[in-house]
Amino acid sequence: MSQSSRQAADKQRNRPTPATSSTPPDHIGLLVAALVMMGIGWFGLYQLVTTTLPRIGGELWLFFILLLMAITGTAIPVVRYINVRFTPLDIEVPPGGVIVRQSVWIGLFVVTCAWLQIPRVLSLPLAVFLAVVLIVVEIFLRSRELAAERDSFA
């Protein structure tokens, strides 16, 4: 099968050809930012845990900030992959802001669970409830964005 006939077959099936399918520019910057966040977050957590005493105060807030950075930076490539993989071919891939927001939800969930674990009130039902609440909020936000996009194209 020649190159031109393969491209024509791909166009008929609504699949992008390798020459036209590329990563959006904002996703490249997003992945670079994720690497920076991961590096700062995980290295900062390592330094904080190994060099300071566990006290209530500045160290605790620094732990939460670094944990949020580390988890969010680690979640960005995973969330981007899931969004790209499960977005239909005829629909545009979600912008970088949506991926960052979804990754921040994951980071916020982990930080909230860590915060609830300090007084030992975190339980499995509470963690599941918190996860469901965050997922429902994201579904509402995303459905409004998709409806606004649909209305702007119509």
N, C-alpha and C. Protein backbone atom coordinates (compact mmCIF):
# COMPACT_ATOMS: atom_id res chain seq x y z
N MET A 1 0.86 -1.17 0.00
CA MET A 1 0.00 0.00 0.00
C MET A 1 0.91 1.23 0.00
N SER A 2 0.65 2.14 -0.92
CA SER A 2 1.51 3.32 -1.04
C SER A 2 1.15 4.35 0.03
N GLN A 3 2.01 5.34 0.16
CA GLN A 3 1.85 6.38 1.18
C GLN A 3 0.57 7.18 0.93
N SER A 4 0.33 7.55 -0.33
CA SER A 4 -0.84 8.38 -0.62
C SER A 4 -2.14 7.61 -0.42
N SER A 5 -2.16 6.32 -0.77
CA SER A 5 -3.39 5.56 -0.56
C SER A 5 -3.64 5.31 0.92
N ARG A 6 -2.58 5.19 1.71
CA ARG A 6 -2.75 5.02 3.16
C ARG A 6 -3.32 6.29 3.77
N GLN A 7 -2.82 7.47 3.32
CA GLN A 7 -3.33 8.73 3.84
C GLN A 7 -4.79 8.92 3.45
N ALA A 8 -5.15 8.53 2.24
CA ALA A 8 -6.54 8.66 1.81
C ALA A 8 -7.44 7.74 2.63
N ALA A 9 -6.96 6.53 2.92
CA ALA A 9 -7.75 5.61 3.74
C ALA A 9 -7.90 6.13 5.15
N ASP A 10 -6.84 6.73 5.70
CA ASP A 10 -6.93 7.32 7.04
C ASP A 10 -7.92 8.48 7.07
N LYS A 11 -7.95 9.30 6.03
CA LYS A 11 -8.89 10.42 5.99
C LYS A 11 -10.32 9.93 5.92
N GLN A 12 -10.55 8.83 5.19
CA GLN A 12 -11.89 8.29 5.09
C GLN A 12 -12.37 7.76 6.44
N ARG A 13 -11.49 7.23 7.23
CA ARG A 13 -11.87 6.71 8.54
C ARG A 13 -11.80 7.77 9.62
N ASN A 14 -11.60 9.03 9.25
CA ASN A 14 -11.49 10.16 10.18
C ASN A 14 -10.34 9.99 11.16
N ARG A 15 -9.28 9.39 10.73
CA ARG A 15 -8.10 9.25 11.58
C ARG A 15 -7.04 10.22 11.10
N PRO A 16 -6.38 10.89 12.03
CA PRO A 16 -5.32 11.80 11.60
C PRO A 16 -4.12 11.00 11.10
N THR A 17 -3.47 11.53 10.12
CA THR A 17 -2.26 10.90 9.60
C THR A 17 -1.09 11.27 10.49
N PRO A 18 0.00 10.50 10.46
CA PRO A 18 1.13 10.84 11.31
C PRO A 18 1.69 12.23 11.04
N ALA A 19 1.57 12.71 9.81
CA ALA A 19 2.08 14.04 9.50
C ALA A 19 1.22 15.13 10.12
N THR A 20 -0.10 14.89 10.25
CA THR A 20 -0.99 15.92 10.78
C THR A 20 -1.27 15.76 12.26
N SER A 21 -1.04 14.58 12.82
CA SER A 21 -1.31 14.39 14.25
C SER A 21 -0.08 14.79 15.04
N SER A 22 -0.25 15.76 15.90
CA SER A 22 0.86 16.21 16.72
C SER A 22 0.33 16.64 18.08
N THR A 23 1.23 16.76 18.99
CA THR A 23 0.87 17.20 20.32
C THR A 23 0.62 18.70 20.27
N PRO A 24 -0.49 19.17 20.84
CA PRO A 24 -0.73 20.62 20.87
C PRO A 24 0.39 21.34 21.61
N PRO A 25 0.71 22.56 21.18
CA PRO A 25 1.83 23.28 21.82
C PRO A 25 1.64 23.49 23.31
N ASP A 26 0.39 23.71 23.76
CA ASP A 26 0.21 23.92 25.19
C ASP A 26 0.43 22.63 25.98
N HIS A 27 0.29 21.47 25.35
CA HIS A 27 0.54 20.21 26.05
C HIS A 27 2.04 19.98 26.23
N ILE A 28 2.86 20.47 25.31
CA ILE A 28 4.31 20.34 25.46
C ILE A 28 4.78 21.17 26.66
N GLY A 29 4.30 22.41 26.74
CA GLY A 29 4.63 23.25 27.89
C GLY A 29 4.08 22.67 29.19
N LEU A 30 2.93 22.04 29.09
CA LEU A 30 2.31 21.40 30.24
C LEU A 30 3.18 20.27 30.78
N LEU A 31 3.72 19.47 29.88
CA LEU A 31 4.58 18.35 30.30
C LEU A 31 5.90 18.85 30.88
N VAL A 32 6.43 19.94 30.33
CA VAL A 32 7.66 20.53 30.90
C VAL A 32 7.38 21.06 32.31
N ALA A 33 6.25 21.75 32.46
CA ALA A 33 5.87 22.25 33.79
C ALA A 33 5.65 21.10 34.77
N ALA A 34 5.09 19.99 34.28
CA ALA A 34 4.88 18.83 35.14
C ALA A 34 6.21 18.27 35.63
N LEU A 35 7.20 18.21 34.75
CA LEU A 35 8.52 17.73 35.17
C LEU A 35 9.13 18.64 36.22
N VAL A 36 8.98 19.94 36.04
CA VAL A 36 9.52 20.89 37.03
C VAL A 36 8.80 20.74 38.36
N MET A 37 7.47 20.62 38.31
CA MET A 37 6.70 20.44 39.55
C MET A 37 7.06 19.14 40.26
N MET A 38 7.21 18.07 39.49
CA MET A 38 7.60 16.80 40.09
C MET A 38 8.96 16.92 40.76
N GLY A 39 9.90 17.51 40.06
CA GLY A 39 11.25 17.64 40.61
C GLY A 39 11.27 18.45 41.90
N ILE A 40 10.65 19.62 41.87
CA ILE A 40 10.63 20.47 43.06
C ILE A 40 9.85 19.80 44.19
N GLY A 41 8.69 19.24 43.85
CA GLY A 41 7.84 18.64 44.88
C GLY A 41 8.47 17.44 45.56
N TRP A 42 8.92 16.47 44.77
CA TRP A 42 9.48 15.25 45.37
C TRP A 42 10.82 15.51 46.04
N PHE A 43 11.68 16.36 45.44
CA PHE A 43 12.96 16.67 46.09
C PHE A 43 12.73 17.46 47.37
N GLY A 44 11.79 18.41 47.32
CA GLY A 44 11.47 19.19 48.52
C GLY A 44 10.90 18.32 49.63
N LEU A 45 10.03 17.38 49.26
CA LEU A 45 9.50 16.46 50.28
C LEU A 45 10.61 15.59 50.88
N TYR A 46 11.51 15.12 50.04
CA TYR A 46 12.62 14.32 50.53
C TYR A 46 13.47 15.13 51.51
N GLN A 47 13.80 16.35 51.13
CA GLN A 47 14.61 17.20 52.00
C GLN A 47 13.87 17.52 53.30
N LEU A 48 12.59 17.81 53.20
CA LEU A 48 11.81 18.16 54.38
C LEU A 48 11.70 16.99 55.34
N VAL A 49 11.43 15.81 54.82
CA VAL A 49 11.23 14.64 55.68
C VAL A 49 12.54 14.18 56.31
N THR A 50 13.64 14.29 55.59
CA THR A 50 14.91 13.78 56.11
C THR A 50 15.68 14.78 56.96
N THR A 51 15.37 16.07 56.87
CA THR A 51 16.20 17.04 57.58
C THR A 51 15.49 17.81 58.68
N THR A 52 14.16 17.73 58.78
CA THR A 52 13.46 18.51 59.80
C THR A 52 12.68 17.59 60.74
N LEU A 53 12.41 18.12 61.90
CA LEU A 53 11.58 17.40 62.87
C LEU A 53 10.11 17.64 62.56
N PRO A 54 9.27 16.65 62.78
CA PRO A 54 7.83 16.83 62.49
C PRO A 54 7.18 17.71 63.55
N ARG A 55 6.94 18.96 63.21
CA ARG A 55 6.31 19.90 64.13
C ARG A 55 5.08 20.50 63.47
N ILE A 56 4.17 20.96 64.31
CA ILE A 56 3.00 21.68 63.80
C ILE A 56 3.45 23.11 63.59
N GLY A 57 3.26 23.61 62.42
CA GLY A 57 3.67 24.98 62.10
C GLY A 57 4.09 25.06 60.64
N GLY A 58 5.16 25.80 60.40
CA GLY A 58 5.63 26.03 59.04
C GLY A 58 6.02 24.75 58.31
N GLU A 59 6.58 23.80 59.04
CA GLU A 59 6.98 22.54 58.40
C GLU A 59 5.77 21.78 57.87
N LEU A 60 4.67 21.82 58.62
CA LEU A 60 3.46 21.12 58.20
C LEU A 60 2.87 21.73 56.94
N TRP A 61 2.81 23.07 56.89
CA TRP A 61 2.27 23.73 55.70
C TRP A 61 3.19 23.55 54.51
N LEU A 62 4.49 23.56 54.74
CA LEU A 62 5.43 23.30 53.66
C LEU A 62 5.26 21.88 53.14
N PHE A 63 5.01 20.94 54.03
CA PHE A 63 4.75 19.56 53.62
C PHE A 63 3.54 19.48 52.71
N PHE A 64 2.45 20.15 53.08
CA PHE A 64 1.23 20.12 52.27
C PHE A 64 1.45 20.76 50.91
N ILE A 65 2.17 21.88 50.86
CA ILE A 65 2.43 22.56 49.59
C ILE A 65 3.29 21.68 48.68
N LEU A 66 4.35 21.11 49.25
CA LEU A 66 5.22 20.24 48.45
C LEU A 66 4.51 18.97 48.02
N LEU A 67 3.65 18.43 48.87
CA LEU A 67 2.89 17.24 48.50
C LEU A 67 1.93 17.56 47.35
N LEU A 68 1.27 18.72 47.42
CA LEU A 68 0.38 19.12 46.33
C LEU A 68 1.15 19.27 45.02
N MET A 69 2.32 19.90 45.07
CA MET A 69 3.14 20.05 43.86
C MET A 69 3.58 18.70 43.32
N ALA A 70 4.03 17.82 44.20
CA ALA A 70 4.55 16.52 43.76
C ALA A 70 3.45 15.68 43.14
N ILE A 71 2.31 15.60 43.79
CA ILE A 71 1.21 14.76 43.29
C ILE A 71 0.62 15.36 42.01
N THR A 72 0.43 16.67 41.98
CA THR A 72 -0.11 17.30 40.78
C THR A 72 0.84 17.14 39.60
N GLY A 73 2.13 17.36 39.82
CA GLY A 73 3.10 17.19 38.75
C GLY A 73 3.18 15.76 38.26
N THR A 74 3.03 14.81 39.16
CA THR A 74 3.05 13.40 38.77
C THR A 74 1.77 13.01 38.05
N ALA A 75 0.66 13.63 38.41
CA ALA A 75 -0.63 13.28 37.80
C ALA A 75 -0.82 13.89 36.42
N ILE A 76 -0.16 14.98 36.11
CA ILE A 76 -0.38 15.65 34.83
C ILE A 76 -0.13 14.73 33.63
N PRO A 77 1.01 14.04 33.54
CA PRO A 77 1.18 13.16 32.36
C PRO A 77 0.16 12.03 32.30
N VAL A 78 -0.22 11.50 33.45
CA VAL A 78 -1.19 10.41 33.48
C VAL A 78 -2.57 10.91 33.04
N VAL A 79 -2.98 12.05 33.56
CA VAL A 79 -4.28 12.63 33.20
C VAL A 79 -4.28 13.03 31.72
N ARG A 80 -3.16 13.56 31.23
CA ARG A 80 -3.08 13.91 29.82
C ARG A 80 -3.21 12.66 28.95
N TYR A 81 -2.54 11.60 29.32
CA TYR A 81 -2.62 10.36 28.55
C TYR A 81 -4.06 9.84 28.53
N ILE A 82 -4.72 9.85 29.67
CA ILE A 82 -6.10 9.35 29.74
C ILE A 82 -7.02 10.22 28.89
N ASN A 83 -6.85 11.54 28.95
CA ASN A 83 -7.68 12.43 28.14
C ASN A 83 -7.44 12.23 26.65
N VAL A 84 -6.19 12.09 26.24
CA VAL A 84 -5.88 11.88 24.83
C VAL A 84 -6.37 10.52 24.38
N ARG A 85 -6.22 9.52 25.20
CA ARG A 85 -6.57 8.15 24.82
C ARG A 85 -8.08 7.96 24.69
N PHE A 86 -8.85 8.57 25.56
CA PHE A 86 -10.30 8.33 25.57
C PHE A 86 -11.11 9.44 24.90
N THR A 87 -10.46 10.44 24.32
CA THR A 87 -11.18 11.45 23.55
C THR A 87 -11.43 10.89 22.15
N PRO A 88 -12.67 10.93 21.69
CA PRO A 88 -12.94 10.42 20.33
C PRO A 88 -12.14 11.19 19.28
N LEU A 89 -11.88 10.54 18.15
CA LEU A 89 -11.05 11.14 17.12
C LEU A 89 -11.68 12.36 16.48
N ASP A 90 -12.99 12.45 16.47
CA ASP A 90 -13.65 13.59 15.84
C ASP A 90 -13.79 14.80 16.77
N ILE A 91 -13.39 14.65 18.02
CA ILE A 91 -13.45 15.74 19.00
C ILE A 91 -12.03 16.18 19.33
N GLU A 92 -11.87 17.47 19.52
CA GLU A 92 -10.55 18.01 19.84
C GLU A 92 -10.12 17.60 21.26
N VAL A 93 -8.83 17.41 21.43
CA VAL A 93 -8.28 17.03 22.73
C VAL A 93 -8.49 18.20 23.70
N PRO A 94 -8.82 17.92 24.98
CA PRO A 94 -9.03 19.01 25.94
C PRO A 94 -7.79 19.89 26.06
N PRO A 95 -7.99 21.18 26.28
CA PRO A 95 -6.85 22.09 26.42
C PRO A 95 -6.06 21.81 27.70
N GLY A 96 -4.90 22.42 27.78
CA GLY A 96 -4.01 22.20 28.91
C GLY A 96 -4.62 22.62 30.24
N GLY A 97 -5.46 23.64 30.23
CA GLY A 97 -6.08 24.10 31.47
C GLY A 97 -6.97 23.05 32.10
N VAL A 98 -7.67 22.29 31.27
CA VAL A 98 -8.53 21.22 31.78
C VAL A 98 -7.68 20.12 32.41
N ILE A 99 -6.58 19.79 31.77
CA ILE A 99 -5.70 18.74 32.29
C ILE A 99 -5.08 19.18 33.61
N VAL A 100 -4.68 20.44 33.70
CA VAL A 100 -4.11 20.95 34.96
C VAL A 100 -5.17 20.92 36.05
N ARG A 101 -6.39 21.35 35.73
CA ARG A 101 -7.45 21.36 36.74
C ARG A 101 -7.74 19.95 37.25
N GLN A 102 -7.81 18.98 36.36
CA GLN A 102 -8.06 17.60 36.78
C GLN A 102 -6.91 17.06 37.62
N SER A 103 -5.69 17.44 37.29
CA SER A 103 -4.53 17.00 38.08
C SER A 103 -4.50 17.67 39.45
N VAL A 104 -4.92 18.92 39.50
CA VAL A 104 -4.98 19.61 40.80
C VAL A 104 -6.05 18.97 41.68
N TRP A 105 -7.15 18.50 41.09
CA TRP A 105 -8.17 17.78 41.88
C TRP A 105 -7.54 16.55 42.54
N ILE A 106 -6.72 15.83 41.78
CA ILE A 106 -6.06 14.64 42.34
C ILE A 106 -5.11 15.04 43.47
N GLY A 107 -4.33 16.09 43.25
CA GLY A 107 -3.43 16.57 44.30
C GLY A 107 -4.18 17.05 45.52
N LEU A 108 -5.29 17.75 45.30
CA LEU A 108 -6.10 18.22 46.43
C LEU A 108 -6.69 17.06 47.21
N PHE A 109 -7.11 16.01 46.50
CA PHE A 109 -7.64 14.83 47.17
C PHE A 109 -6.57 14.20 48.07
N VAL A 110 -5.35 14.04 47.56
CA VAL A 110 -4.28 13.42 48.35
C VAL A 110 -3.92 14.30 49.55
N VAL A 111 -3.82 15.60 49.35
CA VAL A 111 -3.48 16.51 50.45
C VAL A 111 -4.58 16.51 51.50
N THR A 112 -5.84 16.49 51.08
CA THR A 112 -6.95 16.45 52.04
C THR A 112 -6.93 15.15 52.83
N CYS A 113 -6.64 14.04 52.16
CA CYS A 113 -6.55 12.76 52.88
C CYS A 113 -5.38 12.79 53.87
N ALA A 114 -4.26 13.38 53.48
CA ALA A 114 -3.12 13.48 54.41
C ALA A 114 -3.48 14.37 55.60
N TRP A 115 -4.19 15.46 55.35
CA TRP A 115 -4.59 16.34 56.42
C TRP A 115 -5.57 15.65 57.36
N LEU A 116 -6.50 14.88 56.82
CA LEU A 116 -7.46 14.16 57.66
C LEU A 116 -6.80 13.02 58.43
N GLN A 117 -5.67 12.54 57.95
CA GLN A 117 -4.98 11.45 58.63
C GLN A 117 -4.25 11.94 59.89
N ILE A 118 -3.94 13.21 59.98
CA ILE A 118 -3.23 13.73 61.15
C ILE A 118 -4.04 13.50 62.43
N PRO A 119 -5.32 13.89 62.50
CA PRO A 119 -6.09 13.59 63.71
C PRO A 119 -6.74 12.19 63.69
N ARG A 120 -6.37 11.38 62.69
CA ARG A 120 -6.85 9.99 62.55
C ARG A 120 -8.36 9.91 62.32
N VAL A 121 -8.89 10.81 61.49
CA VAL A 121 -10.31 10.76 61.16
C VAL A 121 -10.55 10.25 59.74
N LEU A 122 -9.50 10.00 58.98
CA LEU A 122 -9.67 9.49 57.63
C LEU A 122 -10.10 8.04 57.66
N SER A 123 -11.15 7.74 56.93
CA SER A 123 -11.63 6.36 56.80
C SER A 123 -11.91 6.11 55.32
N LEU A 124 -12.08 4.87 54.97
CA LEU A 124 -12.36 4.53 53.57
C LEU A 124 -13.65 5.16 53.08
N PRO A 125 -14.74 5.10 53.83
CA PRO A 125 -15.96 5.76 53.34
C PRO A 125 -15.80 7.27 53.16
N LEU A 126 -15.07 7.91 54.04
CA LEU A 126 -14.84 9.34 53.91
C LEU A 126 -13.99 9.64 52.68
N ALA A 127 -12.96 8.85 52.42
CA ALA A 127 -12.11 9.05 51.25
C ALA A 127 -12.90 8.82 49.96
N VAL A 128 -13.74 7.80 49.95
CA VAL A 128 -14.57 7.55 48.76
C VAL A 128 -15.56 8.69 48.55
N PHE A 129 -16.18 9.16 49.62
CA PHE A 129 -17.11 10.28 49.51
C PHE A 129 -16.42 11.53 48.97
N LEU A 130 -15.24 11.82 49.48
CA LEU A 130 -14.48 12.97 49.01
C LEU A 130 -14.12 12.82 47.54
N ALA A 131 -13.71 11.64 47.13
CA ALA A 131 -13.38 11.39 45.73
C ALA A 131 -14.61 11.57 44.84
N VAL A 132 -15.74 11.06 45.27
CA VAL A 132 -16.97 11.18 44.49
C VAL A 132 -17.37 12.65 44.35
N VAL A 133 -17.25 13.41 45.42
CA VAL A 133 -17.59 14.84 45.37
C VAL A 133 -16.70 15.56 44.35
N LEU A 134 -15.40 15.31 44.39
CA LEU A 134 -14.49 15.97 43.46
C LEU A 134 -14.76 15.54 42.02
N ILE A 135 -15.08 14.28 41.81
CA ILE A 135 -15.39 13.79 40.46
C ILE A 135 -16.67 14.43 39.93
N VAL A 136 -17.69 14.54 40.78
CA VAL A 136 -18.95 15.16 40.36
C VAL A 136 -18.75 16.63 40.02
N VAL A 137 -17.96 17.34 40.81
CA VAL A 137 -17.68 18.75 40.50
C VAL A 137 -16.97 18.86 39.15
N GLU A 138 -16.00 17.99 38.89
CA GLU A 138 -15.29 18.03 37.61
C GLU A 138 -16.23 17.68 36.46
N ILE A 139 -17.13 16.73 36.65
CA ILE A 139 -18.08 16.39 35.58
C ILE A 139 -18.98 17.58 35.28
N PHE A 140 -19.46 18.28 36.30
CA PHE A 140 -20.29 19.46 36.07
C PHE A 140 -19.51 20.54 35.32
N LEU A 141 -18.27 20.80 35.76
CA LEU A 141 -17.47 21.83 35.09
C LEU A 141 -17.19 21.46 33.64
N ARG A 142 -16.83 20.22 33.40
CA ARG A 142 -16.49 19.78 32.04
C ARG A 142 -17.72 19.78 31.14
N SER A 143 -18.88 19.38 31.68
CA SER A 143 -20.09 19.38 30.85
C SER A 143 -20.50 20.80 30.47
N ARG A 144 -20.31 21.75 31.34
CA ARG A 144 -20.60 23.16 31.00
C ARG A 144 -19.64 23.66 29.93
N GLU A 145 -18.35 23.28 30.04
CA GLU A 145 -17.38 23.70 29.02
C GLU A 145 -17.72 23.10 27.66
N LEU A 146 -18.08 21.81 27.64
CA LEU A 146 -18.43 21.17 26.38
C LEU A 146 -19.69 21.77 25.78
N ALA A 147 -20.67 22.09 26.61
CA ALA A 147 -21.90 22.72 26.11
C ALA A 147 -21.60 24.11 25.55
N ALA A 148 -20.73 24.86 26.19
CA ALA A 148 -20.37 26.18 25.69
C ALA A 148 -19.61 26.08 24.37
N GLU A 149 -18.74 25.07 24.25
CA GLU A 149 -18.03 24.86 22.98
C GLU A 149 -19.01 24.48 21.88
N ARG A 150 -19.95 23.61 22.18
CA ARG A 150 -20.94 23.17 21.20
C ARG A 150 -21.80 24.34 20.75
N ASP A 151 -22.18 25.21 21.69
CA ASP A 151 -22.99 26.37 21.33
C ASP A 151 -22.22 27.39 20.49
N SER A 152 -20.93 27.52 20.74
CA SER A 152 -20.14 28.48 19.97
C SER A 152 -19.91 28.02 18.54
N PHE A 153 -19.90 26.71 18.32
CA PHE A 153 -19.71 26.20 16.96
C PHE A 153 -21.02 26.13 16.19
N ALA A 154 -22.14 26.15 16.88
CA ALA A 154 -23.43 26.02 16.19
C ALA A 154 -23.93 27.32 15.64
